[in-house]
PDB file of all heavy atoms in Angstrom:
ATOM      1  N   GLY A   1      -9.563  52.174 -10.341  1.00  0.00           N
ATOM      2  CA  GLY A   1      -8.780  51.646 -11.457  1.00  0.00           C
ATOM      3  C   GLY A   1      -7.300  51.979 -11.395  1.00  0.00           C
ATOM      4  O   GLY A   1      -6.639  52.064 -12.439  1.00  0.00           O
ATOM      5  N   TYR A   2      -6.754  52.132 -10.182  1.00  0.00           N
ATOM      6  CA  TYR A   2      -5.324  52.425 -10.022  1.00  0.00           C
ATOM      7  C   TYR A   2      -4.540  51.109  -9.981  1.00  0.00           C
ATOM      8  O   TYR A   2      -4.025  50.694  -8.937  1.00  0.00           O
ATOM      9  CB  TYR A   2      -5.097  53.241  -8.756  1.00  0.00           C
ATOM     10  CG  TYR A   2      -5.708  54.620  -8.794  1.00  0.00           C
ATOM     11  CD1 TYR A   2      -7.007  54.842  -8.360  1.00  0.00           C
ATOM     12  CD2 TYR A   2      -4.977  55.699  -9.275  1.00  0.00           C
ATOM     13  CE1 TYR A   2      -7.572  56.115  -8.387  1.00  0.00           C
ATOM     14  CE2 TYR A   2      -5.536  56.982  -9.310  1.00  0.00           C
ATOM     15  CZ  TYR A   2      -6.833  57.172  -8.867  1.00  0.00           C
ATOM     16  OH  TYR A   2      -7.381  58.426  -8.901  1.00  0.00           O
ATOM     17  N   GLY A   3      -4.439  50.466 -11.139  1.00  0.00           N
ATOM     18  CA  GLY A   3      -3.881  49.118 -11.202  1.00  0.00           C
ATOM     19  C   GLY A   3      -2.411  49.031 -10.868  1.00  0.00           C
ATOM     20  O   GLY A   3      -1.942  47.985 -10.400  1.00  0.00           O
ATOM     21  N   GLY A   4      -1.653  50.099 -11.113  1.00  0.00           N
ATOM     22  CA  GLY A   4      -0.233  50.063 -10.807  1.00  0.00           C
ATOM     23  C   GLY A   4       0.019  50.006  -9.315  1.00  0.00           C
ATOM     24  O   GLY A   4       0.776  49.151  -8.822  1.00  0.00           O
ATOM     25  N   ILE A   5      -0.614  50.902  -8.558  1.00  0.00           N
ATOM     26  CA  ILE A   5      -0.436  50.941  -7.106  1.00  0.00           C
ATOM     27  C   ILE A   5      -1.009  49.676  -6.469  1.00  0.00           C
ATOM     28  O   ILE A   5      -0.385  49.071  -5.590  1.00  0.00           O
ATOM     29  CB  ILE A   5      -1.095  52.194  -6.516  1.00  0.00           C
ATOM     30  CG1 ILE A   5      -0.443  53.456  -7.090  1.00  0.00           C
ATOM     31  CG2 ILE A   5      -0.994  52.197  -4.991  1.00  0.00           C
ATOM     32  CD1 ILE A   5      -1.138  54.748  -6.690  1.00  0.00           C
ATOM     33  N   VAL A   6      -2.181  49.260  -6.922  1.00  0.00           N
ATOM     34  CA  VAL A   6      -2.806  48.051  -6.380  1.00  0.00           C
ATOM     35  C   VAL A   6      -1.938  46.830  -6.673  1.00  0.00           C
ATOM     36  O   VAL A   6      -1.707  45.979  -5.800  1.00  0.00           O
ATOM     37  CB  VAL A   6      -4.222  47.865  -6.956  1.00  0.00           C
ATOM     38  CG1 VAL A   6      -4.785  46.500  -6.583  1.00  0.00           C
ATOM     39  CG2 VAL A   6      -5.152  48.969  -6.461  1.00  0.00           C
ATOM     40  N   GLY A   7      -1.433  46.718  -7.897  1.00  0.00           N
ATOM     41  CA  GLY A   7      -0.616  45.562  -8.274  1.00  0.00           C
ATOM     42  C   GLY A   7       0.640  45.450  -7.435  1.00  0.00           C
ATOM     43  O   GLY A   7       0.998  44.367  -6.957  1.00  0.00           O
ATOM     44  N   VAL A   8       1.330  46.560  -7.239  1.00  0.00           N
ATOM     45  CA  VAL A   8       2.555  46.532  -6.445  1.00  0.00           C
ATOM     46  C   VAL A   8       2.247  46.205  -4.991  1.00  0.00           C
ATOM     47  O   VAL A   8       2.967  45.432  -4.348  1.00  0.00           O
ATOM     48  CB  VAL A   8       3.294  47.880  -6.535  1.00  0.00           C
ATOM     49  CG1 VAL A   8       4.476  47.919  -5.562  1.00  0.00           C
ATOM     50  CG2 VAL A   8       3.779  48.122  -7.963  1.00  0.00           C
ATOM     51  N   GLY A   9       1.164  46.753  -4.462  1.00  0.00           N
ATOM     52  CA  GLY A   9       0.850  46.578  -3.050  1.00  0.00           C
ATOM     53  C   GLY A   9       0.151  45.290  -2.694  1.00  0.00           C
ATOM     54  O   GLY A   9       0.033  44.969  -1.511  1.00  0.00           O
ATOM     55  N   GLN A  10      -0.282  44.496  -3.656  1.00  0.00           N
ATOM     56  CA  GLN A  10      -1.134  43.351  -3.337  1.00  0.00           C
ATOM     57  C   GLN A  10      -0.388  42.208  -2.657  1.00  0.00           C
ATOM     58  O   GLN A  10      -1.008  41.319  -2.064  1.00  0.00           O
ATOM     59  CB  GLN A  10      -1.835  42.846  -4.608  1.00  0.00           C
ATOM     60  CG  GLN A  10      -0.938  42.151  -5.603  1.00  0.00           C
ATOM     61  CD  GLN A  10      -1.660  41.843  -6.916  1.00  0.00           C
ATOM     62  OE1 GLN A  10      -2.449  42.655  -7.416  1.00  0.00           O
ATOM     63  NE2 GLN A  10      -1.408  40.671  -7.472  1.00  0.00           N
ATOM     64  N   GLY A  11       0.942  42.221  -2.692  1.00  0.00           N
ATOM     65  CA  GLY A  11       1.692  41.174  -2.023  1.00  0.00           C
ATOM     66  C   GLY A  11       1.948  41.437  -0.559  1.00  0.00           C
ATOM     67  O   GLY A  11       2.486  40.589   0.151  1.00  0.00           O
ATOM     68  N   SER A  12       1.564  42.608  -0.080  1.00  0.00           N
ATOM     69  CA  SER A  12       1.864  42.988   1.294  1.00  0.00           C
ATOM     70  C   SER A  12       0.633  42.926   2.183  1.00  0.00           C
ATOM     71  O   SER A  12      -0.492  43.151   1.731  1.00  0.00           O
ATOM     72  CB  SER A  12       2.427  44.418   1.322  1.00  0.00           C
ATOM     73  OG  SER A  12       2.582  44.875   2.648  1.00  0.00           O
ATOM     74  N   ALA A  13       0.860  42.641   3.472  1.00  0.00           N
ATOM     75  CA  ALA A  13      -0.217  42.712   4.452  1.00  0.00           C
ATOM     76  C   ALA A  13      -0.601  44.153   4.751  1.00  0.00           C
ATOM     77  O   ALA A  13      -1.664  44.413   5.331  1.00  0.00           O
ATOM     78  CB  ALA A  13       0.210  42.009   5.737  1.00  0.00           C
ATOM     79  N   ASN A  14       0.268  45.099   4.345  1.00  0.00           N
ATOM     80  CA  ASN A  14       0.012  46.525   4.547  1.00  0.00           C
ATOM     81  C   ASN A  14      -0.487  47.123   3.236  1.00  0.00           C
ATOM     82  O   ASN A  14       0.300  47.298   2.300  1.00  0.00           O
ATOM     83  CB  ASN A  14       1.286  47.232   4.994  1.00  0.00           C
ATOM     84  CG  ASN A  14       1.813  46.703   6.303  1.00  0.00           C
ATOM     85  OD1 ASN A  14       1.087  46.645   7.288  1.00  0.00           O
ATOM     86  ND2 ASN A  14       3.076  46.300   6.317  1.00  0.00           N
ATOM     87  N   PRO A  15      -1.757  47.435   3.119  1.00  0.00           N
ATOM     88  CA  PRO A  15      -2.327  47.864   1.839  1.00  0.00           C
ATOM     89  C   PRO A  15      -1.840  49.240   1.411  1.00  0.00           C
ATOM     90  O   PRO A  15      -1.411  50.055   2.222  1.00  0.00           O
ATOM     91  CB  PRO A  15      -3.838  47.863   2.095  1.00  0.00           C
ATOM     92  CG  PRO A  15      -3.971  48.028   3.575  1.00  0.00           C
ATOM     93  CD  PRO A  15      -2.794  47.332   4.179  1.00  0.00           C
ATOM     94  N   PRO A  16      -1.919  49.533   0.101  1.00  0.00           N
ATOM     95  CA  PRO A  16      -1.381  50.775  -0.465  1.00  0.00           C
ATOM     96  C   PRO A  16      -2.289  51.972  -0.234  1.00  0.00           C
ATOM     97  O   PRO A  16      -3.439  51.843   0.182  1.00  0.00           O
ATOM     98  CB  PRO A  16      -1.255  50.453  -1.944  1.00  0.00           C
ATOM     99  CG  PRO A  16      -2.354  49.458  -2.204  1.00  0.00           C
ATOM    100  CD  PRO A  16      -2.442  48.639  -0.950  1.00  0.00           C
ATOM    101  N   ARG A  17      -1.724  53.142  -0.570  1.00  0.00           N
ATOM    102  CA  ARG A  17      -2.466  54.395  -0.469  1.00  0.00           C
ATOM    103  C   ARG A  17      -2.037  55.319  -1.614  1.00  0.00           C
ATOM    104  O   ARG A  17      -0.917  55.228  -2.113  1.00  0.00           O
ATOM    105  CB  ARG A  17      -2.177  55.112   0.858  1.00  0.00           C
ATOM    106  CG  ARG A  17      -2.647  54.386   2.114  1.00  0.00           C
ATOM    107  CD  ARG A  17      -4.164  54.444   2.245  1.00  0.00           C
ATOM    108  NE  ARG A  17      -4.643  53.891   3.500  1.00  0.00           N
ATOM    109  CZ  ARG A  17      -4.964  52.612   3.687  1.00  0.00           C
ATOM    110  NH1 ARG A  17      -4.834  51.747   2.683  1.00  0.00           N
ATOM    111  NH2 ARG A  17      -5.422  52.190   4.854  1.00  0.00           N
ATOM    112  N   LEU A  18      -2.926  56.214  -1.997  1.00  0.00           N
ATOM    113  CA  LEU A  18      -2.580  57.334  -2.868  1.00  0.00           C
ATOM    114  C   LEU A  18      -3.019  58.603  -2.152  1.00  0.00           C
ATOM    115  O   LEU A  18      -4.184  58.741  -1.772  1.00  0.00           O
ATOM    116  CB  LEU A  18      -3.268  57.234  -4.232  1.00  0.00           C
ATOM    117  CG  LEU A  18      -2.995  58.417  -5.182  1.00  0.00           C
ATOM    118  CD1 LEU A  18      -1.521  58.495  -5.563  1.00  0.00           C
ATOM    119  CD2 LEU A  18      -3.860  58.316  -6.450  1.00  0.00           C
ATOM    120  N   VAL A  19      -2.063  59.506  -1.952  1.00  0.00           N
ATOM    121  CA  VAL A  19      -2.344  60.761  -1.251  1.00  0.00           C
ATOM    122  C   VAL A  19      -2.253  61.909  -2.241  1.00  0.00           C
ATOM    123  O   VAL A  19      -1.304  61.992  -3.026  1.00  0.00           O
ATOM    124  CB  VAL A  19      -1.338  60.988  -0.101  1.00  0.00           C
ATOM    125  CG1 VAL A  19      -1.571  62.348   0.552  1.00  0.00           C
ATOM    126  CG2 VAL A  19      -1.442  59.872   0.932  1.00  0.00           C
ATOM    127  N   ARG A  20      -3.242  62.782  -2.210  1.00  0.00           N
ATOM    128  CA  ARG A  20      -3.210  64.010  -3.005  1.00  0.00           C
ATOM    129  C   ARG A  20      -3.201  65.198  -2.060  1.00  0.00           C
ATOM    130  O   ARG A  20      -4.094  65.350  -1.212  1.00  0.00           O
ATOM    131  CB  ARG A  20      -4.418  64.116  -3.936  1.00  0.00           C
ATOM    132  CG  ARG A  20      -4.417  65.381  -4.805  1.00  0.00           C
ATOM    133  CD  ARG A  20      -5.706  65.504  -5.616  1.00  0.00           C
ATOM    134  NE  ARG A  20      -5.686  66.643  -6.516  1.00  0.00           N
ATOM    135  CZ  ARG A  20      -6.031  67.898  -6.180  1.00  0.00           C
ATOM    136  NH1 ARG A  20      -6.409  68.167  -4.938  1.00  0.00           N
ATOM    137  NH2 ARG A  20      -5.991  68.863  -7.081  1.00  0.00           N
ATOM    138  N   LEU A  21      -2.198  66.042  -2.175  1.00  0.00           N
ATOM    139  CA  LEU A  21      -2.070  67.264  -1.390  1.00  0.00           C
ATOM    140  C   LEU A  21      -2.190  68.458  -2.321  1.00  0.00           C
ATOM    141  O   LEU A  21      -1.792  68.366  -3.494  1.00  0.00           O
ATOM    142  CB  LEU A  21      -0.720  67.317  -0.679  1.00  0.00           C
ATOM    143  CG  LEU A  21      -0.422  66.202   0.321  1.00  0.00           C
ATOM    144  CD1 LEU A  21       1.074  65.967   0.403  1.00  0.00           C
ATOM    145  CD2 LEU A  21      -0.970  66.564   1.695  1.00  0.00           C
ATOM    146  N   SER A  22      -2.693  69.571  -1.828  1.00  0.00           N
ATOM    147  CA  SER A  22      -2.768  70.740  -2.707  1.00  0.00           C
ATOM    148  C   SER A  22      -2.582  72.037  -1.931  1.00  0.00           C
ATOM    149  O   SER A  22      -3.058  72.196  -0.803  1.00  0.00           O
ATOM    150  CB  SER A  22      -4.098  70.779  -3.471  1.00  0.00           C
ATOM    151  OG  SER A  22      -5.186  70.942  -2.604  1.00  0.00           O
ATOM    152  N   TYR A  23      -1.838  72.940  -2.583  1.00  0.00           N
ATOM    153  CA  TYR A  23      -1.649  74.309  -2.111  1.00  0.00           C
ATOM    154  C   TYR A  23      -2.169  75.224  -3.205  1.00  0.00           C
ATOM    155  O   TYR A  23      -1.856  75.036  -4.394  1.00  0.00           O
ATOM    156  CB  TYR A  23      -0.160  74.580  -1.857  1.00  0.00           C
ATOM    157  CG  TYR A  23       0.210  76.052  -1.921  1.00  0.00           C
ATOM    158  CD1 TYR A  23      -0.023  76.892  -0.836  1.00  0.00           C
ATOM    159  CD2 TYR A  23       0.756  76.607  -3.088  1.00  0.00           C
ATOM    160  CE1 TYR A  23       0.299  78.242  -0.912  1.00  0.00           C
ATOM    161  CE2 TYR A  23       1.080  77.948  -3.169  1.00  0.00           C
ATOM    162  CZ  TYR A  23       0.850  78.764  -2.078  1.00  0.00           C
ATOM    163  OH  TYR A  23       1.159  80.091  -2.158  1.00  0.00           O
ATOM    164  N   THR A  24      -2.958  76.207  -2.826  1.00  0.00           N
ATOM    165  CA  THR A  24      -3.491  77.142  -3.825  1.00  0.00           C
ATOM    166  C   THR A  24      -3.164  78.574  -3.418  1.00  0.00           C
ATOM    167  O   THR A  24      -3.119  78.907  -2.230  1.00  0.00           O
ATOM    168  CB  THR A  24      -5.015  76.998  -3.975  1.00  0.00           C
ATOM    169  OG1 THR A  24      -5.638  77.213  -2.702  1.00  0.00           O
ATOM    170  CG2 THR A  24      -5.386  75.606  -4.480  1.00  0.00           C
ATOM    171  N   HIS A  25      -2.935  79.379  -4.433  1.00  0.00           N
ATOM    172  CA  HIS A  25      -2.695  80.810  -4.225  1.00  0.00           C
ATOM    173  C   HIS A  25      -3.775  81.579  -4.972  1.00  0.00           C
ATOM    174  O   HIS A  25      -4.046  81.293  -6.143  1.00  0.00           O
ATOM    175  CB  HIS A  25      -1.305  81.194  -4.747  1.00  0.00           C
ATOM    176  CG  HIS A  25      -0.868  82.564  -4.351  1.00  0.00           C
ATOM    177  ND1 HIS A  25      -1.387  83.714  -4.918  1.00  0.00           N
ATOM    178  CD2 HIS A  25       0.032  82.978  -3.431  1.00  0.00           C
ATOM    179  CE1 HIS A  25      -0.823  84.769  -4.377  1.00  0.00           C
ATOM    180  NE2 HIS A  25       0.042  84.363  -3.468  1.00  0.00           N
ATOM    181  N   PRO A  26      -4.396  82.546  -4.329  1.00  0.00           N
ATOM    182  CA  PRO A  26      -5.539  83.227  -4.959  1.00  0.00           C
ATOM    183  C   PRO A  26      -5.198  83.969  -6.252  1.00  0.00           C
ATOM    184  O   PRO A  26      -6.096  84.224  -7.062  1.00  0.00           O
ATOM    185  CB  PRO A  26      -6.011  84.203  -3.871  1.00  0.00           C
ATOM    186  CG  PRO A  26      -4.847  84.369  -2.951  1.00  0.00           C
ATOM    187  CD  PRO A  26      -4.129  83.058  -2.976  1.00  0.00           C
ATOM    188  N   GLU A  27      -3.929  84.310  -6.449  1.00  0.00           N
ATOM    189  CA  GLU A  27      -3.553  85.058  -7.643  1.00  0.00           C
ATOM    190  C   GLU A  27      -2.738  84.223  -8.624  1.00  0.00           C
ATOM    191  O   GLU A  27      -2.163  84.763  -9.566  1.00  0.00           O
ATOM    192  CB  GLU A  27      -2.763  86.307  -7.228  1.00  0.00           C
ATOM    193  CG  GLU A  27      -3.561  87.260  -6.350  1.00  0.00           C
ATOM    194  CD  GLU A  27      -2.739  88.447  -5.894  1.00  0.00           C
ATOM    195  OE1 GLU A  27      -1.694  88.713  -6.520  1.00  0.00           O
ATOM    196  OE2 GLU A  27      -3.130  89.110  -4.913  1.00  0.00           O
ATOM    197  N   ALA A  28      -2.705  82.924  -8.418  1.00  0.00           N
ATOM    198  CA  ALA A  28      -1.890  82.055  -9.277  1.00  0.00           C
ATOM    199  C   ALA A  28      -2.516  81.884 -10.651  1.00  0.00           C
ATOM    200  O   ALA A  28      -3.738  81.795 -10.791  1.00  0.00           O
ATOM    201  CB  ALA A  28      -1.713  80.700  -8.621  1.00  0.00           C
TER     202      ALA A  28
END
């Protein structure tokens, strides 16, 4: 249901992506 990213990317031959990165600290 990521309609914003899909909507913007639907005009391109190169499809969109959503990347999630994470850094964790054991004492955070």
